[in-house]
Amino acid sequence: ALPILVRWMVANKVFPKVINVHSFNPDRAKRMVSDLVAAAPEGTEIKMWRFDPHTDITKELEQLL
């Protein structure tokens, strides 16, 4: 399941201009980014934190963003 805040943001269509996603769980991070990218209005900046730039999850997340 997604964190309560992400679910609330998507359900209520409330998004800050910049969203920082941070999680040590790669699957959850990928899902959060995917759901936020799909729901957030154009111009919303979604950033990832705490991932090694050489890992597969970072490359996958960059493709979503």
C-alpha atoms as a PDB file:
ATOM      1  CA  ALA A   1       0.000   0.000   0.000  1.00  0.00           C
ATOM      2  CA  LEU A   2       1.078   3.542  -0.633  1.00  0.00           C
ATOM      3  CA  PRO A   3       1.791   5.896   2.262  1.00  0.00           C
ATOM      4  CA  ILE A   4      -1.282   7.712   3.534  1.00  0.00           C
ATOM      5  CA  LEU A   5       0.040  11.091   2.415  1.00  0.00           C
ATOM      6  CA  VAL A   6       0.494  10.009  -1.206  1.00  0.00           C
ATOM      7  CA  ARG A   7      -2.963   8.423  -1.281  1.00  0.00           C
ATOM      8  CA  TRP A   8      -4.477  11.592   0.212  1.00  0.00           C
ATOM      9  CA  MET A   9      -2.666  13.867  -2.265  1.00  0.00           C
ATOM     10  CA  VAL A  10      -3.865  11.816  -5.245  1.00  0.00           C
ATOM     11  CA  ALA A  11      -7.445  11.441  -3.961  1.00  0.00           C
ATOM     12  CA  ASN A  12      -7.793  15.147  -3.136  1.00  0.00           C
ATOM     13  CA  LYS A  13      -5.729  16.449  -6.042  1.00  0.00           C
ATOM     14  CA  VAL A  14      -3.536  18.484  -3.721  1.00  0.00           C
ATOM     15  CA  PHE A  15       0.083  18.723  -4.832  1.00  0.00           C
ATOM     16  CA  PRO A  16       2.907  21.039  -3.805  1.00  0.00           C
ATOM     17  CA  LYS A  17       5.084  22.451  -6.584  1.00  0.00           C
ATOM     18  CA  VAL A  18       7.946  20.131  -5.566  1.00  0.00           C
ATOM     19  CA  ILE A  19       7.518  16.603  -4.185  1.00  0.00           C
ATOM     20  CA  ASN A  20      10.498  14.796  -2.665  1.00  0.00           C
ATOM     21  CA  VAL A  21      10.049  11.015  -2.602  1.00  0.00           C
ATOM     22  CA  HIS A  22      12.367   9.162  -0.272  1.00  0.00           C
ATOM     23  CA  SER A  23      12.199   5.509   0.603  1.00  0.00           C
ATOM     24  CA  PHE A  24      14.676   2.704   1.049  1.00  0.00           C
ATOM     25  CA  ASN A  25      12.049   0.333  -0.387  1.00  0.00           C
ATOM     26  CA  PRO A  26      12.641   0.419  -4.170  1.00  0.00           C
ATOM     27  CA  ASP A  27       9.269  -1.109  -5.073  1.00  0.00           C
ATOM     28  CA  ARG A  28       7.370   1.362  -2.921  1.00  0.00           C
ATOM     29  CA  ALA A  29       9.406   4.292  -4.245  1.00  0.00           C
ATOM     30  CA  LYS A  30       8.700   3.247  -7.826  1.00  0.00           C
ATOM     31  CA  ARG A  31       4.970   2.986  -7.100  1.00  0.00           C
ATOM     32  CA  MET A  32       4.875   6.360  -5.333  1.00  0.00           C
ATOM     33  CA  VAL A  33       6.657   8.078  -8.222  1.00  0.00           C
ATOM     34  CA  SER A  34       4.485   6.353 -10.807  1.00  0.00           C
ATOM     35  CA  ASP A  35       1.236   7.325  -9.052  1.00  0.00           C
ATOM     36  CA  LEU A  36       2.387  10.884  -8.434  1.00  0.00           C
ATOM     37  CA  VAL A  37       3.552  11.385 -12.028  1.00  0.00           C
ATOM     38  CA  ALA A  38       0.188  10.115 -13.288  1.00  0.00           C
ATOM     39  CA  ALA A  39      -1.872  12.315 -10.959  1.00  0.00           C
ATOM     40  CA  ALA A  40       0.110  15.521 -10.437  1.00  0.00           C
ATOM     41  CA  PRO A  41      -0.545  18.527 -12.655  1.00  0.00           C
ATOM     42  CA  GLU A  42       1.944  19.546 -15.310  1.00  0.00           C
ATOM     43  CA  GLY A  43       4.806  21.521 -13.839  1.00  0.00           C
ATOM     44  CA  THR A  44       4.930  19.576 -10.571  1.00  0.00           C
ATOM     45  CA  GLU A  45       8.540  18.654  -9.874  1.00  0.00           C
ATOM     46  CA  ILE A  46       8.990  15.163  -8.441  1.00  0.00           C
ATOM     47  CA  LYS A  47      12.425  14.367  -7.027  1.00  0.00           C
ATOM     48  CA  MET A  48      13.957  11.150  -5.721  1.00  0.00           C
ATOM     49  CA  TRP A  49      16.319  11.011  -2.769  1.00  0.00           C
ATOM     50  CA  ARG A  50      18.657   8.458  -1.193  1.00  0.00           C
ATOM     51  CA  PHE A  51      19.327   6.195  -4.140  1.00  0.00           C
ATOM     52  CA  ASP A  52      22.709   5.336  -5.575  1.00  0.00           C
ATOM     53  CA  PRO A  53      22.753   6.751  -9.126  1.00  0.00           C
ATOM     54  CA  HIS A  54      24.232   3.509 -10.469  1.00  0.00           C
ATOM     55  CA  THR A  55      21.416   1.200  -9.370  1.00  0.00           C
ATOM     56  CA  ASP A  56      18.689  -0.205 -11.597  1.00  0.00           C
ATOM     57  CA  ILE A  57      15.935   1.347  -9.447  1.00  0.00           C
ATOM     58  CA  THR A  58      17.392   4.827 -10.003  1.00  0.00           C
ATOM     59  CA  LYS A  59      17.445   4.270 -13.768  1.00  0.00           C
ATOM     60  CA  GLU A  60      13.826   3.031 -13.691  1.00  0.00           C
ATOM     61  CA  LEU A  61      12.722   6.028 -11.630  1.00  0.00           C
ATOM     62  CA  GLU A  62      14.477   8.455 -13.969  1.00  0.00           C
ATOM     63  CA  GLN A  63      12.494   6.981 -16.859  1.00  0.00           C
ATOM     64  CA  LEU A  64       9.246   7.642 -14.975  1.00  0.00           C
ATOM     65  CA  LEU A  65      10.223  11.233 -14.288  1.00  0.00           C
END
